[in-house]
C-alpha atoms as a PDB file:
ATOM      1  CA  UNK A   1      25.662  -4.293  -7.476  1.00  0.00           C
ATOM      2  CA  UNK A   2      23.186  -6.763  -8.525  1.00  0.00           C
ATOM      3  CA  UNK A   3      20.034  -6.710  -9.100  1.00  0.00           C
ATOM      4  CA  UNK A   4      18.751  -9.067  -6.142  1.00  0.00           C
ATOM      5  CA  UNK A   5      14.778 -11.122  -6.509  1.00  0.00           C
ATOM      6  CA  UNK A   6      13.038 -11.004  -2.322  1.00  0.00           C
ATOM      7  CA  UNK A   7      12.062 -15.432  -3.121  1.00  0.00           C
ATOM      8  CA  UNK A   8      15.089 -17.744  -1.780  1.00  0.00           C
ATOM      9  CA  UNK A   9      16.229 -20.250   0.657  1.00  0.00           C
ATOM     10  CA  UNK A  10      19.054 -21.250   2.245  1.00  0.00           C
ATOM     11  CA  UNK A  11      19.715 -23.624   5.592  1.00  0.00           C
ATOM     12  CA  UNK A  12      23.183 -23.333   7.644  1.00  0.00           C
ATOM     13  CA  UNK A  13      24.352 -26.044  10.115  1.00  0.00           C
ATOM     14  CA  UNK A  14      26.687 -27.001  12.591  1.00  0.00           C
ATOM     15  CA  UNK A  15      27.650 -28.068  16.037  1.00  0.00           C
ATOM     16  CA  UNK A  16      29.023 -27.393  19.499  1.00  0.00           C
ATOM     17  CA  UNK A  17      30.232 -29.512  22.642  1.00  0.00           C
ATOM     18  CA  UNK A  18      27.269 -31.716  21.541  1.00  0.00           C
ATOM     19  CA  UNK A  19      24.790 -29.588  20.479  1.00  0.00           C
ATOM     20  CA  UNK A  20      24.126 -29.583  16.914  1.00  0.00           C
ATOM     21  CA  UNK A  21      21.571 -26.998  15.058  1.00  0.00           C
ATOM     22  CA  UNK A  22      20.247 -26.153  12.153  1.00  0.00           C
ATOM     23  CA  UNK A  23      18.745 -22.715  10.403  1.00  0.00           C
ATOM     24  CA  UNK A  24      16.638 -22.263   8.068  1.00  0.00           C
ATOM     25  CA  UNK A  25      16.114 -18.775   6.296  1.00  0.00           C
ATOM     26  CA  UNK A  26      12.958 -18.969   3.881  1.00  0.00           C
ATOM     27  CA  UNK A  27      12.146 -15.141   1.520  1.00  0.00           C
ATOM     28  CA  UNK A  28       8.781 -14.092  -0.027  1.00  0.00           C
ATOM     29  CA  UNK A  29       7.818 -10.311  -1.669  1.00  0.00           C
ATOM     30  CA  UNK A  30       7.533  -7.519   0.775  1.00  0.00           C
ATOM     31  CA  UNK A  31       6.679  -4.034   1.021  1.00  0.00           C
ATOM     32  CA  UNK A  32       9.455  -3.449   3.019  1.00  0.00           C
ATOM     33  CA  UNK A  33      12.029  -5.442   5.201  1.00  0.00           C
ATOM     34  CA  UNK A  34      10.108  -8.103   7.834  1.00  0.00           C
ATOM     35  CA  UNK A  35      11.760 -10.310  10.087  1.00  0.00           C
ATOM     36  CA  UNK A  36      10.821 -13.073  11.643  1.00  0.00           C
ATOM     37  CA  UNK A  37      12.054 -15.815  13.947  1.00  0.00           C
ATOM     38  CA  UNK A  38      11.527 -19.206  15.328  1.00  0.00           C
ATOM     39  CA  UNK A  39      13.581 -20.442  18.448  1.00  0.00           C
ATOM     40  CA  UNK A  40      13.327 -22.170  21.179  1.00  0.00           C
ATOM     41  CA  UNK A  41      12.926 -20.346  24.251  1.00  0.00           C
ATOM     42  CA  UNK A  42      15.544 -18.682  25.996  1.00  0.00           C
ATOM     43  CA  UNK A  43      17.777 -17.248  22.579  1.00  0.00           C
ATOM     44  CA  UNK A  44      16.735 -14.460  22.992  1.00  0.00           C
ATOM     45  CA  UNK A  45      19.864 -12.786  22.514  1.00  0.00           C
ATOM     46  CA  UNK A  46      20.645 -14.681  19.294  1.00  0.00           C
ATOM     47  CA  UNK A  47      17.098 -13.242  17.872  1.00  0.00           C
ATOM     48  CA  UNK A  48      18.316 -10.098  18.279  1.00  0.00           C
ATOM     49  CA  UNK A  49      22.342 -10.292  16.875  1.00  0.00           C
ATOM     50  CA  UNK A  50      20.405 -12.265  13.878  1.00  0.00           C
ATOM     51  CA  UNK A  51      18.107  -9.726  13.626  1.00  0.00           C
ATOM     52  CA  UNK A  52      21.285  -7.167  13.798  1.00  0.00           C
ATOM     53  CA  UNK A  53      22.802  -9.310  10.931  1.00  0.00           C
ATOM     54  CA  UNK A  54      19.866  -9.591   8.457  1.00  0.00           C
ATOM     55  CA  UNK A  55      19.207  -6.526   8.661  1.00  0.00           C
ATOM     56  CA  UNK A  56      22.367  -4.909   7.541  1.00  0.00           C
ATOM     57  CA  UNK A  57      22.330  -7.777   4.690  1.00  0.00           C
ATOM     58  CA  UNK A  58      18.506  -7.303   3.142  1.00  0.00           C
ATOM     59  CA  UNK A  59      16.364  -4.338   2.399  1.00  0.00           C
ATOM     60  CA  UNK A  60      13.593  -5.488   1.741  1.00  0.00           C
ATOM     61  CA  UNK A  61      11.566  -8.840   1.718  1.00  0.00           C
ATOM     62  CA  UNK A  62       9.479 -11.626   4.457  1.00  0.00           C
ATOM     63  CA  UNK A  63      11.945 -12.960   5.178  1.00  0.00           C
ATOM     64  CA  UNK A  64      11.116 -16.229   8.186  1.00  0.00           C
ATOM     65  CA  UNK A  65      14.280 -17.689  10.133  1.00  0.00           C
ATOM     66  CA  UNK A  66      14.048 -20.678  12.181  1.00  0.00           C
ATOM     67  CA  UNK A  67      16.390 -22.679  14.539  1.00  0.00           C
ATOM     68  CA  UNK A  68      15.827 -26.198  15.097  1.00  0.00           C
ATOM     69  CA  UNK A  69      18.765 -26.649  18.615  1.00  0.00           C
ATOM     70  CA  UNK A  70      19.033 -30.279  19.478  1.00  0.00           C
ATOM     71  CA  UNK A  71      21.437 -30.560  23.083  1.00  0.00           C
ATOM     72  CA  UNK A  72      19.754 -34.134  23.365  1.00  0.00           C
ATOM     73  CA  UNK A  73      23.589 -35.162  25.238  1.00  0.00           C
ATOM     74  CA  UNK A  74      22.613 -33.098  28.084  1.00  0.00           C
ATOM     75  CA  UNK A  75      20.639 -32.601  30.829  1.00  0.00           C
ATOM     76  CA  UNK A  76      18.503 -29.731  31.578  1.00  0.00           C
ATOM     77  CA  UNK A  77      17.217 -27.681  34.152  1.00  0.00           C
ATOM     78  CA  UNK A  78      13.868 -26.195  35.043  1.00  0.00           C
ATOM     79  CA  UNK A  79      14.195 -22.566  36.461  1.00  0.00           C
ATOM     80  CA  UNK A  80      11.800 -19.859  37.071  1.00  0.00           C
ATOM     81  CA  UNK A  81      12.596 -16.095  35.519  1.00  0.00           C
ATOM     82  CA  UNK A  82      11.457 -14.591  39.315  1.00  0.00           C
ATOM     83  CA  UNK A  83      11.590 -10.621  38.002  1.00  0.00           C
ATOM     84  CA  UNK A  84       9.403 -12.582  34.079  1.00  0.00           C
ATOM     85  CA  UNK A  85       6.843 -14.259  36.425  1.00  0.00           C
ATOM     86  CA  UNK A  86       6.538 -10.728  38.828  1.00  0.00           C
ATOM     87  CA  UNK A  87       6.045  -8.929  35.643  1.00  0.00           C
ATOM     88  CA  UNK A  88       3.097 -10.481  34.641  1.00  0.00           C
ATOM     89  CA  UNK A  89       1.466 -11.085  38.457  1.00  0.00           C
ATOM     90  CA  UNK A  90       1.966  -6.656  38.596  1.00  0.00           C
ATOM     91  CA  UNK A  91      -0.162  -7.465  34.909  1.00  0.00           C
ATOM     92  CA  UNK A  92      -2.247  -9.505  36.099  1.00  0.00           C
ATOM     93  CA  UNK A  93      -3.176  -8.158  39.323  1.00  0.00           C
ATOM     94  CA  UNK A  94      -4.160  -4.944  36.693  1.00  0.00           C
ATOM     95  CA  UNK A  95      -6.022  -5.966  34.955  1.00  0.00           C
ATOM     96  CA  UNK A  96      -8.004  -8.095  37.491  1.00  0.00           C
ATOM     97  CA  UNK A  97      -8.245  -4.524  39.210  1.00  0.00           C
ATOM     98  CA  UNK A  98     -10.256  -3.321  36.132  1.00  0.00           C
ATOM     99  CA  UNK A  99     -12.239  -6.078  35.051  1.00  0.00           C
ATOM    100  CA  UNK A 100     -14.128  -6.863  38.573  1.00  0.00           C
ATOM    101  CA  UNK A 101     -14.648 -10.711  38.155  1.00  0.00           C
ATOM    102  CA  UNK A 102     -12.022 -11.785  36.753  1.00  0.00           C
ATOM    103  CA  UNK A 103     -10.591 -14.963  37.260  1.00  0.00           C
ATOM    104  CA  UNK A 104      -7.045 -15.054  38.382  1.00  0.00           C
ATOM    105  CA  UNK A 105      -4.689 -16.337  36.532  1.00  0.00           C
ATOM    106  CA  UNK A 106      -3.321 -20.031  36.605  1.00  0.00           C
ATOM    107  CA  UNK A 107      -0.282 -21.929  37.418  1.00  0.00           C
ATOM    108  CA  UNK A 108       0.023 -23.346  33.583  1.00  0.00           C
ATOM    109  CA  UNK A 109      -1.139 -19.612  32.267  1.00  0.00           C
ATOM    110  CA  UNK A 110       1.636 -17.965  34.630  1.00  0.00           C
ATOM    111  CA  UNK A 111       3.900 -20.773  33.084  1.00  0.00           C
ATOM    112  CA  UNK A 112       3.079 -20.513  29.917  1.00  0.00           C
ATOM    113  CA  UNK A 113       4.606 -16.799  29.321  1.00  0.00           C
ATOM    114  CA  UNK A 114       7.086 -15.832  27.310  1.00  0.00           C
ATOM    115  CA  UNK A 115      10.112 -15.277  29.899  1.00  0.00           C
ATOM    116  CA  UNK A 116       8.471 -16.951  32.910  1.00  0.00           C
ATOM    117  CA  UNK A 117      10.186 -20.981  32.490  1.00  0.00           C
ATOM    118  CA  UNK A 118      13.800 -20.867  31.610  1.00  0.00           C
ATOM    119  CA  UNK A 119      15.031 -24.264  30.220  1.00  0.00           C
ATOM    120  CA  UNK A 120      19.221 -24.006  31.254  1.00  0.00           C
ATOM    121  CA  UNK A 121      22.121 -27.014  29.741  1.00  0.00           C
ATOM    122  CA  UNK A 122      22.825 -28.080  33.688  1.00  0.00           C
ATOM    123  CA  UNK A 123      26.669 -27.099  34.020  1.00  0.00           C
ATOM    124  CA  UNK A 124      25.910 -24.681  30.917  1.00  0.00           C
ATOM    125  CA  UNK A 125      27.950 -21.658  32.553  1.00  0.00           C
ATOM    126  CA  UNK A 126      27.958 -17.886  30.894  1.00  0.00           C
ATOM    127  CA  UNK A 127      31.451 -18.866  28.655  1.00  0.00           C
ATOM    128  CA  UNK A 128      30.129 -22.133  27.392  1.00  0.00           C
ATOM    129  CA  UNK A 129      27.180 -20.061  26.705  1.00  0.00           C
ATOM    130  CA  UNK A 130      28.992 -17.006  24.853  1.00  0.00           C
ATOM    131  CA  UNK A 131      30.523 -19.548  22.924  1.00  0.00           C
ATOM    132  CA  UNK A 132      27.239 -21.553  21.894  1.00  0.00           C
ATOM    133  CA  UNK A 133      25.739 -18.279  21.052  1.00  0.00           C
ATOM    134  CA  UNK A 134      28.342 -17.066  18.991  1.00  0.00           C
ATOM    135  CA  UNK A 135      28.451 -20.245  17.085  1.00  0.00           C
ATOM    136  CA  UNK A 136      24.371 -19.944  16.936  1.00  0.00           C
ATOM    137  CA  UNK A 137      25.662 -16.366  15.458  1.00  0.00           C
ATOM    138  CA  UNK A 138      27.865 -17.376  12.680  1.00  0.00           C
ATOM    139  CA  UNK A 139      25.878 -20.292  11.187  1.00  0.00           C
ATOM    140  CA  UNK A 140      23.005 -17.506  11.028  1.00  0.00           C
ATOM    141  CA  UNK A 141      25.522 -14.967   9.259  1.00  0.00           C
ATOM    142  CA  UNK A 142      26.834 -18.274   6.421  1.00  0.00           C
ATOM    143  CA  UNK A 143      23.103 -19.417   5.688  1.00  0.00           C
ATOM    144  CA  UNK A 144      22.167 -15.424   5.521  1.00  0.00           C
ATOM    145  CA  UNK A 145      24.595 -14.838   3.092  1.00  0.00           C
ATOM    146  CA  UNK A 146      23.841 -18.523   1.039  1.00  0.00           C
ATOM    147  CA  UNK A 147      20.097 -16.750   1.109  1.00  0.00           C
ATOM    148  CA  UNK A 148      21.638 -13.275   0.190  1.00  0.00           C
ATOM    149  CA  UNK A 149      23.349 -15.079  -3.169  1.00  0.00           C
ATOM    150  CA  UNK A 150      20.141 -17.273  -3.326  1.00  0.00           C
ATOM    151  CA  UNK A 151      18.451 -14.037  -3.429  1.00  0.00           C
ATOM    152  CA  UNK A 152      21.317 -12.735  -6.322  1.00  0.00           C
ATOM    153  CA  UNK A 153      21.118 -15.991  -8.520  1.00  0.00           C
ATOM    154  CA  UNK A 154      17.061 -15.039  -9.013  1.00  0.00           C
ATOM    155  CA  UNK A 155      18.124 -11.291  -9.300  1.00  0.00           C
ATOM    156  CA  UNK A 156      20.362 -12.204 -12.547  1.00  0.00           C
ATOM    157  CA  UNK A 157      17.132 -14.491 -14.322  1.00  0.00           C
ATOM    158  CA  UNK A 158      15.174 -11.292 -13.153  1.00  0.00           C
ATOM    159  CA  UNK A 159      17.298  -8.891 -14.657  1.00  0.00           C
ATOM    160  CA  UNK A 160      17.277 -10.553 -17.864  1.00  0.00           C
ATOM    161  CA  UNK A 161      12.807 -10.845 -18.364  1.00  0.00           C
ATOM    162  CA  UNK A 162      13.098  -7.118 -17.494  1.00  0.00           C
ATOM    163  CA  UNK A 163      15.118  -6.614 -20.217  1.00  0.00           C
ATOM    164  CA  UNK A 164      13.251  -8.283 -22.381  1.00  0.00           C
ATOM    165  CA  UNK A 165      10.273  -6.606 -21.478  1.00  0.00           C
ATOM    166  CA  UNK A 166      11.495  -3.525 -22.010  1.00  0.00           C
ATOM    167  CA  UNK A 167      13.356  -4.182 -25.307  1.00  0.00           C
ATOM    168  CA  UNK A 168       9.211  -5.088 -26.250  1.00  0.00           C
ATOM    169  CA  UNK A 169       7.937  -2.126 -24.544  1.00  0.00           C
ATOM    170  CA  UNK A 170      11.153  -0.232 -26.828  1.00  0.00           C
ATOM    171  CA  UNK A 171      10.296  -1.811 -29.964  1.00  0.00           C
ATOM    172  CA  UNK A 172       6.350  -1.205 -29.134  1.00  0.00           C
ATOM    173  CA  UNK A 173       6.889   1.939 -28.939  1.00  0.00           C
ATOM    174  CA  UNK A 174       9.200   3.022 -32.405  1.00  0.00           C
ATOM    175  CA  UNK A 175       6.431   0.900 -33.953  1.00  0.00           C
ATOM    176  CA  UNK A 176       3.033   3.749 -32.799  1.00  0.00           C
ATOM    177  CA  UNK A 177       5.880   6.579 -33.976  1.00  0.00           C
ATOM    178  CA  UNK A 178       5.855   5.172 -36.993  1.00  0.00           C
ATOM    179  CA  UNK A 179       2.460   4.083 -37.258  1.00  0.00           C
ATOM    180  CA  UNK A 180       0.844   5.326 -40.926  1.00  0.00           C
ATOM    181  CA  UNK A 181      -1.847   6.915 -38.726  1.00  0.00           C
ATOM    182  CA  UNK A 182       0.806   9.025 -37.353  1.00  0.00           C
ATOM    183  CA  UNK A 183       2.093  10.754 -41.122  1.00  0.00           C
ATOM    184  CA  UNK A 184       1.112  14.085 -41.554  1.00  0.00           C
ATOM    185  CA  UNK A 185      -1.081  13.547 -44.520  1.00  0.00           C
ATOM    186  CA  UNK A 186      -2.908  11.061 -42.823  1.00  0.00           C
ATOM    187  CA  UNK A 187      -3.291  13.199 -39.549  1.00  0.00           C
ATOM    188  CA  UNK A 188      -4.357  15.992 -41.785  1.00  0.00           C
ATOM    189  CA  UNK A 189      -7.043  13.562 -43.803  1.00  0.00           C
ATOM    190  CA  UNK A 190      -8.554  13.289 -40.053  1.00  0.00           C
ATOM    191  CA  UNK A 191      -8.964  15.921 -39.210  1.00  0.00           C
ATOM    192  CA  UNK A 192     -10.060  17.236 -41.688  1.00  0.00           C
ATOM    193  CA  UNK A 193     -13.267  14.752 -41.560  1.00  0.00           C
ATOM    194  CA  UNK A 194     -13.659  15.723 -38.220  1.00  0.00           C
ATOM    195  CA  UNK A 195     -13.600  19.667 -39.160  1.00  0.00           C
ATOM    196  CA  UNK A 196     -16.570  18.468 -41.724  1.00  0.00           C
ATOM    197  CA  UNK A 197     -18.442  16.915 -39.328  1.00  0.00           C
ATOM    198  CA  UNK A 198     -18.133  19.735 -37.411  1.00  0.00           C
ATOM    199  CA  UNK A 199     -19.488  22.250 -39.759  1.00  0.00           C
ATOM    200  CA  UNK A 200     -22.361  19.317 -41.043  1.00  0.00           C
ATOM    201  CA  UNK A 201     -23.954  19.357 -37.678  1.00  0.00           C
ATOM    202  CA  UNK A 202     -25.923  22.892 -38.746  1.00  0.00           C
ATOM    203  CA  UNK A 203     -24.035  24.820 -35.988  1.00  0.00           C
ATOM    204  CA  UNK A 204     -22.711  28.235 -36.025  1.00  0.00           C
ATOM    205  CA  UNK A 205     -19.462  28.252 -35.650  1.00  0.00           C
ATOM    206  CA  UNK A 206     -17.345  31.431 -36.498  1.00  0.00           C
ATOM    207  CA  UNK A 207     -14.095  30.972 -38.287  1.00  0.00           C
ATOM    208  CA  UNK A 208     -12.157  31.801 -35.047  1.00  0.00           C
ATOM    209  CA  UNK A 209     -14.931  29.254 -32.991  1.00  0.00           C
ATOM    210  CA  UNK A 210     -13.221  27.141 -35.964  1.00  0.00           C
ATOM    211  CA  UNK A 211     -10.271  26.853 -35.935  1.00  0.00           C
ATOM    212  CA  UNK A 212      -9.894  26.681 -32.476  1.00  0.00           C
ATOM    213  CA  UNK A 213     -11.806  23.160 -32.537  1.00  0.00           C
ATOM    214  CA  UNK A 214      -9.546  22.127 -35.202  1.00  0.00           C
ATOM    215  CA  UNK A 215      -6.109  23.157 -32.653  1.00  0.00           C
ATOM    216  CA  UNK A 216      -8.060  21.180 -30.398  1.00  0.00           C
ATOM    217  CA  UNK A 217      -8.862  18.482 -32.138  1.00  0.00           C
ATOM    218  CA  UNK A 218      -4.555  18.307 -33.564  1.00  0.00           C
ATOM    219  CA  UNK A 219      -3.558  18.650 -29.729  1.00  0.00           C
ATOM    220  CA  UNK A 220      -5.883  15.612 -29.031  1.00  0.00           C
ATOM    221  CA  UNK A 221      -4.587  13.094 -31.357  1.00  0.00           C
ATOM    222  CA  UNK A 222      -0.885  14.545 -30.919  1.00  0.00           C
ATOM    223  CA  UNK A 223       0.716  11.071 -28.691  1.00  0.00           C
ATOM    224  CA  UNK A 224       4.181  12.769 -28.781  1.00  0.00           C
ATOM    225  CA  UNK A 225       4.430  13.840 -25.632  1.00  0.00           C
ATOM    226  CA  UNK A 226       3.792  10.078 -24.786  1.00  0.00           C
ATOM    227  CA  UNK A 227       5.899   8.473 -27.023  1.00  0.00           C
ATOM    228  CA  UNK A 228       8.630  10.467 -25.756  1.00  0.00           C
ATOM    229  CA  UNK A 229       8.056   9.805 -22.250  1.00  0.00           C
ATOM    230  CA  UNK A 230       7.883   5.721 -22.757  1.00  0.00           C
ATOM    231  CA  UNK A 231      11.703   6.341 -24.526  1.00  0.00           C
ATOM    232  CA  UNK A 232      12.667   8.294 -21.511  1.00  0.00           C
ATOM    233  CA  UNK A 233      11.086   5.433 -18.714  1.00  0.00           C
ATOM    234  CA  UNK A 234      12.871   2.431 -20.873  1.00  0.00           C
ATOM    235  CA  UNK A 235      16.086   4.457 -20.569  1.00  0.00           C
ATOM    236  CA  UNK A 236      15.360   4.792 -17.053  1.00  0.00           C
ATOM    237  CA  UNK A 237      15.102   1.331 -16.251  1.00  0.00           C
ATOM    238  CA  UNK A 238      17.609  -0.118 -17.640  1.00  0.00           C
ATOM    239  CA  UNK A 239      20.120   2.237 -15.645  1.00  0.00           C
ATOM    240  CA  UNK A 240      18.176   1.075 -12.402  1.00  0.00           C
ATOM    241  CA  UNK A 241      18.716  -2.791 -13.528  1.00  0.00           C
ATOM    242  CA  UNK A 242      22.335  -1.920 -14.114  1.00  0.00           C
ATOM    243  CA  UNK A 243      22.698  -0.279 -10.993  1.00  0.00           C
ATOM    244  CA  UNK A 244      21.512  -3.100  -9.127  1.00  0.00           C
ATOM    245  CA  UNK A 245      20.839  -3.358  -5.099  1.00  0.00           C
ATOM    246  CA  UNK A 246      17.432  -1.955  -3.750  1.00  0.00           C
ATOM    247  CA  UNK A 247      15.426  -0.165  -6.813  1.00  0.00           C
ATOM    248  CA  UNK A 248      12.348  -2.239  -6.263  1.00  0.00           C
ATOM    249  CA  UNK A 249      10.579   0.971  -5.653  1.00  0.00           C
ATOM    250  CA  UNK A 250      11.556   3.056  -8.289  1.00  0.00           C
ATOM    251  CA  UNK A 251      11.263   0.402 -10.579  1.00  0.00           C
ATOM    252  CA  UNK A 252       8.112   0.157  -9.781  1.00  0.00           C
ATOM    253  CA  UNK A 253       6.728   3.474  -9.671  1.00  0.00           C
ATOM    254  CA  UNK A 254       9.128   3.091 -13.214  1.00  0.00           C
ATOM    255  CA  UNK A 255       5.535   0.302 -14.132  1.00  0.00           C
ATOM    256  CA  UNK A 256       3.163   3.118 -13.207  1.00  0.00           C
ATOM    257  CA  UNK A 257       3.964   5.289 -15.111  1.00  0.00           C
ATOM    258  CA  UNK A 258       4.501   3.209 -17.843  1.00  0.00           C
ATOM    259  CA  UNK A 259       1.151   2.267 -17.593  1.00  0.00           C
ATOM    260  CA  UNK A 260      -0.222   6.089 -17.422  1.00  0.00           C
ATOM    261  CA  UNK A 261       1.686   6.489 -20.973  1.00  0.00           C
ATOM    262  CA  UNK A 262       0.037   3.429 -22.464  1.00  0.00           C
ATOM    263  CA  UNK A 263      -2.940   4.423 -21.139  1.00  0.00           C
ATOM    264  CA  UNK A 264      -3.055   7.910 -22.474  1.00  0.00           C
ATOM    265  CA  UNK A 265      -1.655   6.748 -25.921  1.00  0.00           C
ATOM    266  CA  UNK A 266      -4.771   4.483 -26.249  1.00  0.00           C
ATOM    267  CA  UNK A 267      -7.173   7.396 -25.209  1.00  0.00           C
ATOM    268  CA  UNK A 268      -5.451   9.330 -28.155  1.00  0.00           C
ATOM    269  CA  UNK A 269      -5.518   7.165 -30.323  1.00  0.00           C
ATOM    270  CA  UNK A 270      -7.250   7.662 -33.587  1.00  0.00           C
ATOM    271  CA  UNK A 271      -6.665   5.230 -35.647  1.00  0.00           C
ATOM    272  CA  UNK A 272      -7.318   1.141 -35.422  1.00  0.00           C
ATOM    273  CA  UNK A 273      -3.153  -0.194 -36.086  1.00  0.00           C
ATOM    274  CA  UNK A 274      -2.180   2.727 -33.271  1.00  0.00           C
ATOM    275  CA  UNK A 275      -4.738   1.425 -30.474  1.00  0.00           C
ATOM    276  CA  UNK A 276      -3.941  -2.243 -31.461  1.00  0.00           C
ATOM    277  CA  UNK A 277      -0.170  -0.967 -30.299  1.00  0.00           C
ATOM    278  CA  UNK A 278      -1.281   0.976 -26.811  1.00  0.00           C
ATOM    279  CA  UNK A 279      -3.004  -2.394 -25.905  1.00  0.00           C
ATOM    280  CA  UNK A 280      -0.123  -4.883 -26.574  1.00  0.00           C
ATOM    281  CA  UNK A 281       1.398  -2.385 -25.001  1.00  0.00           C
ATOM    282  CA  UNK A 282      -0.195  -2.254 -22.098  1.00  0.00           C
ATOM    283  CA  UNK A 283      -0.249  -6.162 -21.728  1.00  0.00           C
ATOM    284  CA  UNK A 284       3.656  -5.652 -21.943  1.00  0.00           C
ATOM    285  CA  UNK A 285       3.323  -3.127 -18.948  1.00  0.00           C
ATOM    286  CA  UNK A 286       1.372  -5.514 -16.315  1.00  0.00           C
ATOM    287  CA  UNK A 287       4.370  -8.344 -17.528  1.00  0.00           C
ATOM    288  CA  UNK A 288       6.564  -5.411 -16.328  1.00  0.00           C
ATOM    289  CA  UNK A 289       5.273  -4.527 -13.229  1.00  0.00           C
ATOM    290  CA  UNK A 290       4.324  -8.159 -11.858  1.00  0.00           C
ATOM    291  CA  UNK A 291       8.217  -8.820 -12.364  1.00  0.00           C
ATOM    292  CA  UNK A 292       9.398  -5.618 -11.101  1.00  0.00           C
ATOM    293  CA  UNK A 293       6.834  -6.824  -7.889  1.00  0.00           C
ATOM    294  CA  UNK A 294      10.214  -9.096  -7.075  1.00  0.00           C
ATOM    295  CA  UNK A 295      12.878  -7.156  -6.755  1.00  0.00           C
ATOM    296  CA  UNK A 296      14.134  -5.973  -4.059  1.00  0.00           C
END
């Protein structure tokens, strides 16, 4: 599978028996899958089917789908959906019983409720309506597939960018590993200076306590574990990118782990050069995290 972005745009148009329509789909980043439809009144069945199609193909992203339908060549009749009207009236009566003095519902207010008024094409028999809805859903499917392709195209560019960031993180990790401040003699020298500072402070330290302090200082200065984890996270992130599909959440988790290790590296640093590498690493990790937010 390929890596996909959550951003994209697609359009599909069609027609049947004098009717013309256009589907437009827009997708942006989101934590989950958020589907929003704008369809002409009376096409709830089309929306339900379209939602199922979208949910089967997309895993994350805020998707807005709008349908523009032109049936100017046919004459429409206005009908009242009695079931919907009775339901609205019953709800209004229940509210009025609980709120003394509430104004009764107005005609225009009732007619404005979704589903109360239906626009039915003259001569639009069930068979014709079924063919129309099937054609609308087929063109929605075409637009949806085009959207998925657009997201995949952006995902390919995104994968290249993420790989570049991972390469930089790996290089900085190797630079930190090879930093002169991590050489055994440099660590011993720094440790001797710190121990000398403890002894020179005038504190009454017995040899055992002094040994414990020296071990503690040496442990705090050791960044081997952080470097190993950074290298492991780079490999894990590359594996996820190669896997493709809906891996955005897992990449986001790895970005948090990258940040944690970079922060710890800076906190443990006992040398300016190592701190500089750590700060550069934090900047690249933040760039990686920002790009990951676009991954499905």
